[in-house]
mmCIF file of all heavy atoms, coordinates in Angstrom:
data_MODEL
# 
_entry.id   MODEL 
# 
loop_
_atom_site.group_PDB 
_atom_site.id 
_atom_site.type_symbol 
_atom_site.label_atom_id 
_atom_site.label_alt_id 
_atom_site.label_comp_id 
_atom_site.label_asym_id 
_atom_site.label_entity_id 
_atom_site.label_seq_id 
_atom_site.pdbx_PDB_ins_code 
_atom_site.Cartn_x 
_atom_site.Cartn_y 
_atom_site.Cartn_z 
_atom_site.occupancy 
_atom_site.B_iso_or_equiv 
_atom_site.pdbx_formal_charge 
_atom_site.auth_seq_id 
_atom_site.auth_comp_id 
_atom_site.auth_asym_id 
_atom_site.auth_atom_id 
_atom_site.pdbx_PDB_model_num 
ATOM 1   N N   . LEU A 1 1  ? -45.124 292.305 201.738 1.00 0.00 ? 1  LEU A N   1 
ATOM 2   C CA  . LEU A 1 1  ? -45.373 292.717 203.242 1.00 0.00 ? 1  LEU A CA  1 
ATOM 3   C C   . LEU A 1 1  ? -45.324 294.215 203.508 1.00 0.00 ? 1  LEU A C   1 
ATOM 4   O O   . LEU A 1 1  ? -45.673 294.503 204.610 1.00 0.00 ? 1  LEU A O   1 
ATOM 5   C CB  . LEU A 1 1  ? -44.367 291.955 204.122 1.00 0.00 ? 1  LEU A CB  1 
ATOM 6   C CG  . LEU A 1 1  ? -44.293 290.483 203.970 1.00 0.00 ? 1  LEU A CG  1 
ATOM 7   C CD1 . LEU A 1 1  ? -43.266 289.897 204.795 1.00 0.00 ? 1  LEU A CD1 1 
ATOM 8   C CD2 . LEU A 1 1  ? -45.653 289.778 204.396 1.00 0.00 ? 1  LEU A CD2 1 
ATOM 9   N N   . GLY A 1 2  ? -44.870 294.947 202.476 1.00 0.00 ? 2  GLY A N   1 
ATOM 10  C CA  . GLY A 1 2  ? -44.779 296.321 202.722 1.00 0.00 ? 2  GLY A CA  1 
ATOM 11  C C   . GLY A 1 2  ? -43.364 296.776 203.153 1.00 0.00 ? 2  GLY A C   1 
ATOM 12  O O   . GLY A 1 2  ? -42.544 295.953 203.290 1.00 0.00 ? 2  GLY A O   1 
ATOM 13  N N   . GLU A 1 3  ? -43.232 298.139 203.260 1.00 0.00 ? 3  GLU A N   1 
ATOM 14  C CA  . GLU A 1 3  ? -41.908 298.614 203.541 1.00 0.00 ? 3  GLU A CA  1 
ATOM 15  C C   . GLU A 1 3  ? -41.465 298.516 205.105 1.00 0.00 ? 3  GLU A C   1 
ATOM 16  O O   . GLU A 1 3  ? -40.319 298.674 205.230 1.00 0.00 ? 3  GLU A O   1 
ATOM 17  C CB  . GLU A 1 3  ? -41.874 300.052 203.147 1.00 0.00 ? 3  GLU A CB  1 
ATOM 18  C CG  . GLU A 1 3  ? -42.052 300.295 201.561 1.00 0.00 ? 3  GLU A CG  1 
ATOM 19  C CD  . GLU A 1 3  ? -40.870 299.853 200.799 1.00 0.00 ? 3  GLU A CD  1 
ATOM 20  O OE1 . GLU A 1 3  ? -39.807 299.728 201.284 1.00 0.00 ? 3  GLU A OE1 1 
ATOM 21  O OE2 . GLU A 1 3  ? -41.133 299.468 199.575 1.00 0.00 ? 3  GLU A OE2 1 
ATOM 22  N N   . ASP A 1 4  ? -42.453 298.282 205.847 1.00 0.00 ? 4  ASP A N   1 
ATOM 23  C CA  . ASP A 1 4  ? -42.097 298.204 207.354 1.00 0.00 ? 4  ASP A CA  1 
ATOM 24  C C   . ASP A 1 4  ? -41.300 296.895 207.649 1.00 0.00 ? 4  ASP A C   1 
ATOM 25  O O   . ASP A 1 4  ? -41.928 295.770 207.605 1.00 0.00 ? 4  ASP A O   1 
ATOM 26  C CB  . ASP A 1 4  ? -43.437 298.199 208.149 1.00 0.00 ? 4  ASP A CB  1 
ATOM 27  C CG  . ASP A 1 4  ? -43.178 298.149 209.571 1.00 0.00 ? 4  ASP A CG  1 
ATOM 28  O OD1 . ASP A 1 4  ? -42.089 298.057 210.003 1.00 0.00 ? 4  ASP A OD1 1 
ATOM 29  O OD2 . ASP A 1 4  ? -44.222 298.160 210.361 1.00 0.00 ? 4  ASP A OD2 1 
ATOM 30  N N   . ARG A 1 5  ? -40.065 297.003 207.741 1.00 0.00 ? 5  ARG A N   1 
ATOM 31  C CA  . ARG A 1 5  ? -39.263 295.822 208.024 1.00 0.00 ? 5  ARG A CA  1 
ATOM 32  C C   . ARG A 1 5  ? -39.540 295.044 209.220 1.00 0.00 ? 5  ARG A C   1 
ATOM 33  O O   . ARG A 1 5  ? -39.278 293.888 209.322 1.00 0.00 ? 5  ARG A O   1 
ATOM 34  C CB  . ARG A 1 5  ? -37.688 296.196 208.031 1.00 0.00 ? 5  ARG A CB  1 
ATOM 35  C CG  . ARG A 1 5  ? -37.163 296.628 206.678 1.00 0.00 ? 5  ARG A CG  1 
ATOM 36  C CD  . ARG A 1 5  ? -35.704 297.018 206.742 1.00 0.00 ? 5  ARG A CD  1 
ATOM 37  N NE  . ARG A 1 5  ? -35.188 297.287 205.411 1.00 0.00 ? 5  ARG A NE  1 
ATOM 38  C CZ  . ARG A 1 5  ? -34.167 296.607 204.897 1.00 0.00 ? 5  ARG A CZ  1 
ATOM 39  N NH1 . ARG A 1 5  ? -33.664 295.616 205.511 1.00 0.00 ? 5  ARG A NH1 1 
ATOM 40  N NH2 . ARG A 1 5  ? -33.792 296.974 203.633 1.00 0.00 ? 5  ARG A NH2 1 
ATOM 41  N N   . SER A 1 6  ? -40.201 295.697 210.234 1.00 0.00 ? 6  SER A N   1 
ATOM 42  C CA  . SER A 1 6  ? -40.562 294.973 211.454 1.00 0.00 ? 6  SER A CA  1 
ATOM 43  C C   . SER A 1 6  ? -41.573 293.710 211.109 1.00 0.00 ? 6  SER A C   1 
ATOM 44  O O   . SER A 1 6  ? -41.774 292.928 211.955 1.00 0.00 ? 6  SER A O   1 
ATOM 45  C CB  . SER A 1 6  ? -41.082 295.945 212.541 1.00 0.00 ? 6  SER A CB  1 
ATOM 46  O OG  . SER A 1 6  ? -42.368 296.405 212.075 1.00 0.00 ? 6  SER A OG  1 
ATOM 47  N N   . THR A 1 7  ? -42.195 293.870 210.013 1.00 0.00 ? 7  THR A N   1 
ATOM 48  C CA  . THR A 1 7  ? -43.223 292.746 209.683 1.00 0.00 ? 7  THR A CA  1 
ATOM 49  C C   . THR A 1 7  ? -42.626 291.680 208.965 1.00 0.00 ? 7  THR A C   1 
ATOM 50  O O   . THR A 1 7  ? -43.240 290.714 208.696 1.00 0.00 ? 7  THR A O   1 
ATOM 51  C CB  . THR A 1 7  ? -44.382 293.344 208.757 1.00 0.00 ? 7  THR A CB  1 
ATOM 52  O OG1 . THR A 1 7  ? -43.815 293.902 207.499 1.00 0.00 ? 7  THR A OG1 1 
ATOM 53  C CG2 . THR A 1 7  ? -45.021 294.631 209.492 1.00 0.00 ? 7  THR A CG2 1 
ATOM 54  N N   . TRP A 1 8  ? -41.369 291.767 208.598 1.00 0.00 ? 8  TRP A N   1 
ATOM 55  C CA  . TRP A 1 8  ? -40.703 290.709 207.824 1.00 0.00 ? 8  TRP A CA  1 
ATOM 56  C C   . TRP A 1 8  ? -40.183 289.651 208.688 1.00 0.00 ? 8  TRP A C   1 
ATOM 57  O O   . TRP A 1 8  ? -40.001 288.510 208.235 1.00 0.00 ? 8  TRP A O   1 
ATOM 58  C CB  . TRP A 1 8  ? -39.552 291.278 207.069 1.00 0.00 ? 8  TRP A CB  1 
ATOM 59  C CG  . TRP A 1 8  ? -39.853 292.385 206.085 1.00 0.00 ? 8  TRP A CG  1 
ATOM 60  C CD1 . TRP A 1 8  ? -41.084 292.867 205.741 1.00 0.00 ? 8  TRP A CD1 1 
ATOM 61  C CD2 . TRP A 1 8  ? -38.917 293.082 205.240 1.00 0.00 ? 8  TRP A CD2 1 
ATOM 62  N NE1 . TRP A 1 8  ? -40.978 293.894 204.744 1.00 0.00 ? 8  TRP A NE1 1 
ATOM 63  C CE2 . TRP A 1 8  ? -39.663 293.958 204.450 1.00 0.00 ? 8  TRP A CE2 1 
ATOM 64  C CE3 . TRP A 1 8  ? -37.521 293.114 205.147 1.00 0.00 ? 8  TRP A CE3 1 
ATOM 65  C CZ2 . TRP A 1 8  ? -39.047 294.821 203.492 1.00 0.00 ? 8  TRP A CZ2 1 
ATOM 66  C CZ3 . TRP A 1 8  ? -36.945 293.943 204.215 1.00 0.00 ? 8  TRP A CZ3 1 
ATOM 67  C CH2 . TRP A 1 8  ? -37.752 294.821 203.322 1.00 0.00 ? 8  TRP A CH2 1 
ATOM 68  N N   . SER A 1 9  ? -39.788 289.880 209.956 1.00 0.00 ? 9  SER A N   1 
ATOM 69  C CA  . SER A 1 9  ? -39.130 288.848 210.827 1.00 0.00 ? 9  SER A CA  1 
ATOM 70  C C   . SER A 1 9  ? -39.796 287.534 210.801 1.00 0.00 ? 9  SER A C   1 
ATOM 71  O O   . SER A 1 9  ? -39.126 286.524 210.847 1.00 0.00 ? 9  SER A O   1 
ATOM 72  C CB  . SER A 1 9  ? -38.926 289.417 212.230 1.00 0.00 ? 9  SER A CB  1 
ATOM 73  O OG  . SER A 1 9  ? -38.056 290.553 212.162 1.00 0.00 ? 9  SER A OG  1 
ATOM 74  N N   . PRO A 1 10 ? -41.120 287.464 210.961 1.00 0.00 ? 10 PRO A N   1 
ATOM 75  C CA  . PRO A 1 10 ? -41.767 286.091 210.937 1.00 0.00 ? 10 PRO A CA  1 
ATOM 76  C C   . PRO A 1 10 ? -41.575 285.236 209.728 1.00 0.00 ? 10 PRO A C   1 
ATOM 77  O O   . PRO A 1 10 ? -41.909 284.115 209.785 1.00 0.00 ? 10 PRO A O   1 
ATOM 78  C CB  . PRO A 1 10 ? -43.311 286.475 211.199 1.00 0.00 ? 10 PRO A CB  1 
ATOM 79  C CG  . PRO A 1 10 ? -43.339 287.824 211.668 1.00 0.00 ? 10 PRO A CG  1 
ATOM 80  C CD  . PRO A 1 10 ? -42.140 288.528 211.154 1.00 0.00 ? 10 PRO A CD  1 
ATOM 81  N N   . PHE A 1 11 ? -41.025 285.886 208.682 1.00 0.00 ? 11 PHE A N   1 
ATOM 82  C CA  . PHE A 1 11 ? -40.851 285.118 207.425 1.00 0.00 ? 11 PHE A CA  1 
ATOM 83  C C   . PHE A 1 11 ? -39.303 284.764 207.200 1.00 0.00 ? 11 PHE A C   1 
ATOM 84  O O   . PHE A 1 11 ? -38.945 284.457 206.113 1.00 0.00 ? 11 PHE A O   1 
ATOM 85  C CB  . PHE A 1 11 ? -41.418 285.881 206.325 1.00 0.00 ? 11 PHE A CB  1 
ATOM 86  C CG  . PHE A 1 11 ? -42.913 286.200 206.454 1.00 0.00 ? 11 PHE A CG  1 
ATOM 87  C CD1 . PHE A 1 11 ? -43.343 287.295 207.118 1.00 0.00 ? 11 PHE A CD1 1 
ATOM 88  C CD2 . PHE A 1 11 ? -43.835 285.170 206.099 1.00 0.00 ? 11 PHE A CD2 1 
ATOM 89  C CE1 . PHE A 1 11 ? -44.732 287.534 207.334 1.00 0.00 ? 11 PHE A CE1 1 
ATOM 90  C CE2 . PHE A 1 11 ? -45.127 285.353 206.382 1.00 0.00 ? 11 PHE A CE2 1 
ATOM 91  C CZ  . PHE A 1 11 ? -45.621 286.572 206.925 1.00 0.00 ? 11 PHE A CZ  1 
ATOM 92  N N   . ASP A 1 12 ? -38.489 285.044 208.177 1.00 0.00 ? 12 ASP A N   1 
ATOM 93  C CA  . ASP A 1 12 ? -37.067 284.912 208.114 1.00 0.00 ? 12 ASP A CA  1 
ATOM 94  C C   . ASP A 1 12 ? -36.574 283.851 209.088 1.00 0.00 ? 12 ASP A C   1 
ATOM 95  O O   . ASP A 1 12 ? -36.708 284.128 210.336 1.00 0.00 ? 12 ASP A O   1 
ATOM 96  C CB  . ASP A 1 12 ? -36.479 286.234 208.411 1.00 0.00 ? 12 ASP A CB  1 
ATOM 97  C CG  . ASP A 1 12 ? -34.974 286.280 208.143 1.00 0.00 ? 12 ASP A CG  1 
ATOM 98  O OD1 . ASP A 1 12 ? -34.206 285.568 208.793 1.00 0.00 ? 12 ASP A OD1 1 
ATOM 99  O OD2 . ASP A 1 12 ? -34.499 287.159 207.268 1.00 0.00 ? 12 ASP A OD2 1 
ATOM 100 N N   . ALA A 1 13 ? -36.042 282.738 208.672 1.00 0.00 ? 13 ALA A N   1 
ATOM 101 C CA  . ALA A 1 13 ? -35.661 281.703 209.601 1.00 0.00 ? 13 ALA A CA  1 
ATOM 102 C C   . ALA A 1 13 ? -34.627 282.079 210.637 1.00 0.00 ? 13 ALA A C   1 
ATOM 103 O O   . ALA A 1 13 ? -34.574 281.611 211.634 1.00 0.00 ? 13 ALA A O   1 
ATOM 104 C CB  . ALA A 1 13 ? -35.301 280.464 208.799 1.00 0.00 ? 13 ALA A CB  1 
ATOM 105 N N   . VAL A 1 14 ? -33.666 282.835 210.061 1.00 0.00 ? 14 VAL A N   1 
ATOM 106 C CA  . VAL A 1 14 ? -32.692 283.348 211.064 1.00 0.00 ? 14 VAL A CA  1 
ATOM 107 C C   . VAL A 1 14 ? -33.222 284.267 212.133 1.00 0.00 ? 14 VAL A C   1 
ATOM 108 O O   . VAL A 1 14 ? -32.899 284.040 213.381 1.00 0.00 ? 14 VAL A O   1 
ATOM 109 C CB  . VAL A 1 14 ? -31.588 284.154 210.244 1.00 0.00 ? 14 VAL A CB  1 
ATOM 110 C CG1 . VAL A 1 14 ? -30.535 284.815 211.209 1.00 0.00 ? 14 VAL A CG1 1 
ATOM 111 C CG2 . VAL A 1 14 ? -30.885 283.269 209.279 1.00 0.00 ? 14 VAL A CG2 1 
ATOM 112 N N   . GLU A 1 15 ? -34.161 285.094 211.810 1.00 0.00 ? 15 GLU A N   1 
ATOM 113 C CA  . GLU A 1 15 ? -34.765 285.922 212.867 1.00 0.00 ? 15 GLU A CA  1 
ATOM 114 C C   . GLU A 1 15 ? -35.651 285.154 213.780 1.00 0.00 ? 15 GLU A C   1 
ATOM 115 O O   . GLU A 1 15 ? -35.734 285.334 215.026 1.00 0.00 ? 15 GLU A O   1 
ATOM 116 C CB  . GLU A 1 15 ? -35.535 287.079 212.219 1.00 0.00 ? 15 GLU A CB  1 
ATOM 117 C CG  . GLU A 1 15 ? -34.728 288.079 211.458 1.00 0.00 ? 15 GLU A CG  1 
ATOM 118 C CD  . GLU A 1 15 ? -33.765 288.681 212.401 1.00 0.00 ? 15 GLU A CD  1 
ATOM 119 O OE1 . GLU A 1 15 ? -34.169 289.199 213.508 1.00 0.00 ? 15 GLU A OE1 1 
ATOM 120 O OE2 . GLU A 1 15 ? -32.516 288.661 211.987 1.00 0.00 ? 15 GLU A OE2 1 
ATOM 121 N N   . LEU A 1 16 ? -36.405 284.064 213.206 1.00 0.00 ? 16 LEU A N   1 
ATOM 122 C CA  . LEU A 1 16 ? -37.247 283.226 214.068 1.00 0.00 ? 16 LEU A CA  1 
ATOM 123 C C   . LEU A 1 16 ? -36.304 282.432 215.083 1.00 0.00 ? 16 LEU A C   1 
ATOM 124 O O   . LEU A 1 16 ? -36.713 282.388 216.227 1.00 0.00 ? 16 LEU A O   1 
ATOM 125 C CB  . LEU A 1 16 ? -38.012 282.273 213.196 1.00 0.00 ? 16 LEU A CB  1 
ATOM 126 C CG  . LEU A 1 16 ? -39.042 282.919 212.456 1.00 0.00 ? 16 LEU A CG  1 
ATOM 127 C CD1 . LEU A 1 16 ? -39.660 281.809 211.414 1.00 0.00 ? 16 LEU A CD1 1 
ATOM 128 C CD2 . LEU A 1 16 ? -40.239 283.390 213.357 1.00 0.00 ? 16 LEU A CD2 1 
ATOM 129 N N   . MET A 1 17 ? -35.115 282.021 214.666 1.00 0.00 ? 17 MET A N   1 
ATOM 130 C CA  . MET A 1 17 ? -34.289 281.279 215.508 1.00 0.00 ? 17 MET A CA  1 
ATOM 131 C C   . MET A 1 17 ? -33.636 282.131 216.557 1.00 0.00 ? 17 MET A C   1 
ATOM 132 O O   . MET A 1 17 ? -33.560 281.818 217.734 1.00 0.00 ? 17 MET A O   1 
ATOM 133 C CB  . MET A 1 17 ? -33.252 280.460 214.666 1.00 0.00 ? 17 MET A CB  1 
ATOM 134 C CG  . MET A 1 17 ? -32.471 279.435 215.493 1.00 0.00 ? 17 MET A CG  1 
ATOM 135 S SD  . MET A 1 17 ? -33.524 278.185 216.267 1.00 0.00 ? 17 MET A SD  1 
ATOM 136 C CE  . MET A 1 17 ? -34.305 277.485 214.964 1.00 0.00 ? 17 MET A CE  1 
ATOM 137 N N   . LYS A 1 18 ? -33.321 283.314 216.164 1.00 0.00 ? 18 LYS A N   1 
ATOM 138 C CA  . LYS A 1 18 ? -32.769 284.261 217.160 1.00 0.00 ? 18 LYS A CA  1 
ATOM 139 C C   . LYS A 1 18 ? -33.797 284.646 218.161 1.00 0.00 ? 18 LYS A C   1 
ATOM 140 O O   . LYS A 1 18 ? -33.440 284.753 219.359 1.00 0.00 ? 18 LYS A O   1 
ATOM 141 C CB  . LYS A 1 18 ? -32.371 285.634 216.377 1.00 0.00 ? 18 LYS A CB  1 
ATOM 142 C CG  . LYS A 1 18 ? -30.976 285.491 215.598 1.00 0.00 ? 18 LYS A CG  1 
ATOM 143 C CD  . LYS A 1 18 ? -30.793 286.811 215.037 1.00 0.00 ? 18 LYS A CD  1 
ATOM 144 C CE  . LYS A 1 18 ? -29.343 286.831 214.277 1.00 0.00 ? 18 LYS A CE  1 
ATOM 145 N NZ  . LYS A 1 18 ? -29.085 288.188 213.667 1.00 0.00 ? 18 LYS A NZ  1 
ATOM 146 N N   . ALA A 1 19 ? -34.976 284.782 217.824 1.00 0.00 ? 19 ALA A N   1 
ATOM 147 C CA  . ALA A 1 19 ? -36.013 285.113 218.711 1.00 0.00 ? 19 ALA A CA  1 
ATOM 148 C C   . ALA A 1 19 ? -36.380 283.961 219.628 1.00 0.00 ? 19 ALA A C   1 
ATOM 149 O O   . ALA A 1 19 ? -36.879 284.176 220.846 1.00 0.00 ? 19 ALA A O   1 
ATOM 150 C CB  . ALA A 1 19 ? -37.316 285.603 217.982 1.00 0.00 ? 19 ALA A CB  1 
ATOM 151 N N   . ALA A 1 20 ? -36.175 282.746 219.240 1.00 0.00 ? 20 ALA A N   1 
ATOM 152 C CA  . ALA A 1 20 ? -36.552 281.609 220.008 1.00 0.00 ? 20 ALA A CA  1 
ATOM 153 C C   . ALA A 1 20 ? -35.645 281.444 221.273 1.00 0.00 ? 20 ALA A C   1 
ATOM 154 O O   . ALA A 1 20 ? -36.165 281.107 222.329 1.00 0.00 ? 20 ALA A O   1 
ATOM 155 C CB  . ALA A 1 20 ? -36.479 280.372 219.190 1.00 0.00 ? 20 ALA A CB  1 
ATOM 156 N N   . HIS A 1 21 ? -34.386 281.789 221.158 1.00 0.00 ? 21 HIS A N   1 
ATOM 157 C CA  . HIS A 1 21 ? -33.491 281.596 222.266 1.00 0.00 ? 21 HIS A CA  1 
ATOM 158 C C   . HIS A 1 21 ? -33.349 280.198 222.879 1.00 0.00 ? 21 HIS A C   1 
ATOM 159 O O   . HIS A 1 21 ? -32.833 280.032 223.889 1.00 0.00 ? 21 HIS A O   1 
ATOM 160 C CB  . HIS A 1 21 ? -33.762 282.607 223.498 1.00 0.00 ? 21 HIS A CB  1 
ATOM 161 C CG  . HIS A 1 21 ? -33.674 284.014 222.961 1.00 0.00 ? 21 HIS A CG  1 
ATOM 162 N ND1 . HIS A 1 21 ? -32.616 284.661 222.650 1.00 0.00 ? 21 HIS A ND1 1 
ATOM 163 C CD2 . HIS A 1 21 ? -34.787 284.906 222.784 1.00 0.00 ? 21 HIS A CD2 1 
ATOM 164 C CE1 . HIS A 1 21 ? -32.858 285.904 222.338 1.00 0.00 ? 21 HIS A CE1 1 
ATOM 165 N NE2 . HIS A 1 21 ? -34.201 286.086 222.363 1.00 0.00 ? 21 HIS A NE2 1 
ATOM 166 N N   . ARG A 1 22 ? -33.999 279.217 222.179 1.00 0.00 ? 22 ARG A N   1 
ATOM 167 C CA  . ARG A 1 22 ? -33.893 277.869 222.724 1.00 0.00 ? 22 ARG A CA  1 
ATOM 168 C C   . ARG A 1 22 ? -34.278 276.945 221.465 1.00 0.00 ? 22 ARG A C   1 
ATOM 169 O O   . ARG A 1 22 ? -34.761 277.364 220.442 1.00 0.00 ? 22 ARG A O   1 
ATOM 170 C CB  . ARG A 1 22 ? -34.932 277.588 223.719 1.00 0.00 ? 22 ARG A CB  1 
ATOM 171 C CG  . ARG A 1 22 ? -36.342 277.921 223.279 1.00 0.00 ? 22 ARG A CG  1 
ATOM 172 C CD  . ARG A 1 22 ? -37.405 277.621 224.355 1.00 0.00 ? 22 ARG A CD  1 
ATOM 173 N NE  . ARG A 1 22 ? -38.802 277.924 223.797 1.00 0.00 ? 22 ARG A NE  1 
ATOM 174 C CZ  . ARG A 1 22 ? -39.435 277.140 223.034 1.00 0.00 ? 22 ARG A CZ  1 
ATOM 175 N NH1 . ARG A 1 22 ? -38.998 276.006 222.697 1.00 0.00 ? 22 ARG A NH1 1 
ATOM 176 N NH2 . ARG A 1 22 ? -40.600 277.489 222.678 1.00 0.00 ? 22 ARG A NH2 1 
ATOM 177 N N   . PRO A 1 23 ? -33.997 275.665 221.692 1.00 0.00 ? 23 PRO A N   1 
ATOM 178 C CA  . PRO A 1 23 ? -34.284 274.679 220.532 1.00 0.00 ? 23 PRO A CA  1 
ATOM 179 C C   . PRO A 1 23 ? -35.778 274.565 220.298 1.00 0.00 ? 23 PRO A C   1 
ATOM 180 O O   . PRO A 1 23 ? -36.591 274.565 221.317 1.00 0.00 ? 23 PRO A O   1 
ATOM 181 C CB  . PRO A 1 23 ? -33.673 273.332 221.037 1.00 0.00 ? 23 PRO A CB  1 
ATOM 182 C CG  . PRO A 1 23 ? -32.714 273.699 222.054 1.00 0.00 ? 23 PRO A CG  1 
ATOM 183 C CD  . PRO A 1 23 ? -33.142 275.026 222.683 1.00 0.00 ? 23 PRO A CD  1 
ATOM 184 N N   . LEU A 1 24 ? -36.193 274.602 219.065 1.00 0.00 ? 24 LEU A N   1 
ATOM 185 C CA  . LEU A 1 24 ? -37.622 274.477 218.737 1.00 0.00 ? 24 LEU A CA  1 
ATOM 186 C C   . LEU A 1 24 ? -38.010 273.018 218.243 1.00 0.00 ? 24 LEU A C   1 
ATOM 187 O O   . LEU A 1 24 ? -39.130 272.681 218.254 1.00 0.00 ? 24 LEU A O   1 
ATOM 188 C CB  . LEU A 1 24 ? -37.994 275.517 217.625 1.00 0.00 ? 24 LEU A CB  1 
ATOM 189 C CG  . LEU A 1 24 ? -37.815 276.950 218.070 1.00 0.00 ? 24 LEU A CG  1 
ATOM 190 C CD1 . LEU A 1 24 ? -38.103 277.875 216.878 1.00 0.00 ? 24 LEU A CD1 1 
ATOM 191 C CD2 . LEU A 1 24 ? -38.790 277.357 219.230 1.00 0.00 ? 24 LEU A CD2 1 
ATOM 192 N N   . PHE A 1 25 ? -36.965 272.402 217.818 1.00 0.00 ? 25 PHE A N   1 
ATOM 193 C CA  . PHE A 1 25 ? -37.144 270.930 217.224 1.00 0.00 ? 25 PHE A CA  1 
ATOM 194 C C   . PHE A 1 25 ? -36.071 270.105 217.715 1.00 0.00 ? 25 PHE A C   1 
ATOM 195 O O   . PHE A 1 25 ? -34.957 270.620 218.119 1.00 0.00 ? 25 PHE A O   1 
ATOM 196 C CB  . PHE A 1 25 ? -37.085 271.039 215.724 1.00 0.00 ? 25 PHE A CB  1 
ATOM 197 C CG  . PHE A 1 25 ? -38.117 271.956 215.008 1.00 0.00 ? 25 PHE A CG  1 
ATOM 198 C CD1 . PHE A 1 25 ? -37.675 273.318 214.828 1.00 0.00 ? 25 PHE A CD1 1 
ATOM 199 C CD2 . PHE A 1 25 ? -39.295 271.652 214.793 1.00 0.00 ? 25 PHE A CD2 1 
ATOM 200 C CE1 . PHE A 1 25 ? -38.554 274.145 214.184 1.00 0.00 ? 25 PHE A CE1 1 
ATOM 201 C CE2 . PHE A 1 25 ? -40.304 272.549 214.241 1.00 0.00 ? 25 PHE A CE2 1 
ATOM 202 C CZ  . PHE A 1 25 ? -39.891 273.763 214.017 1.00 0.00 ? 25 PHE A CZ  1 
ATOM 203 N N   . ALA A 1 26 ? -36.222 268.786 217.681 1.00 0.00 ? 26 ALA A N   1 
ATOM 204 C CA  . ALA A 1 26 ? -35.271 267.860 218.047 1.00 0.00 ? 26 ALA A CA  1 
ATOM 205 C C   . ALA A 1 26 ? -34.057 268.018 217.203 1.00 0.00 ? 26 ALA A C   1 
ATOM 206 O O   . ALA A 1 26 ? -32.857 268.014 217.679 1.00 0.00 ? 26 ALA A O   1 
ATOM 207 C CB  . ALA A 1 26 ? -35.763 266.407 217.936 1.00 0.00 ? 26 ALA A CB  1 
ATOM 208 N N   . GLN A 1 27 ? -34.167 268.227 215.884 1.00 0.00 ? 27 GLN A N   1 
ATOM 209 C CA  . GLN A 1 27 ? -33.131 268.537 215.012 1.00 0.00 ? 27 GLN A CA  1 
ATOM 210 C C   . GLN A 1 27 ? -33.689 269.074 213.720 1.00 0.00 ? 27 GLN A C   1 
ATOM 211 O O   . GLN A 1 27 ? -34.907 268.782 213.439 1.00 0.00 ? 27 GLN A O   1 
ATOM 212 C CB  . GLN A 1 27 ? -32.338 267.245 214.590 1.00 0.00 ? 27 GLN A CB  1 
ATOM 213 C CG  . GLN A 1 27 ? -31.158 267.517 213.759 1.00 0.00 ? 27 GLN A CG  1 
ATOM 214 C CD  . GLN A 1 27 ? -30.215 266.403 213.666 1.00 0.00 ? 27 GLN A CD  1 
ATOM 215 O OE1 . GLN A 1 27 ? -29.938 265.684 214.656 1.00 0.00 ? 27 GLN A OE1 1 
ATOM 216 N NE2 . GLN A 1 27 ? -29.622 266.187 212.584 1.00 0.00 ? 27 GLN A NE2 1 
# 
């Protein structure tokens, strides 16, 4: 993805969950 770490977040489950701020799935 390159050296720009800001492009990595969509590929990191922890970051995706932090950005969601709410449940995305029943479980």
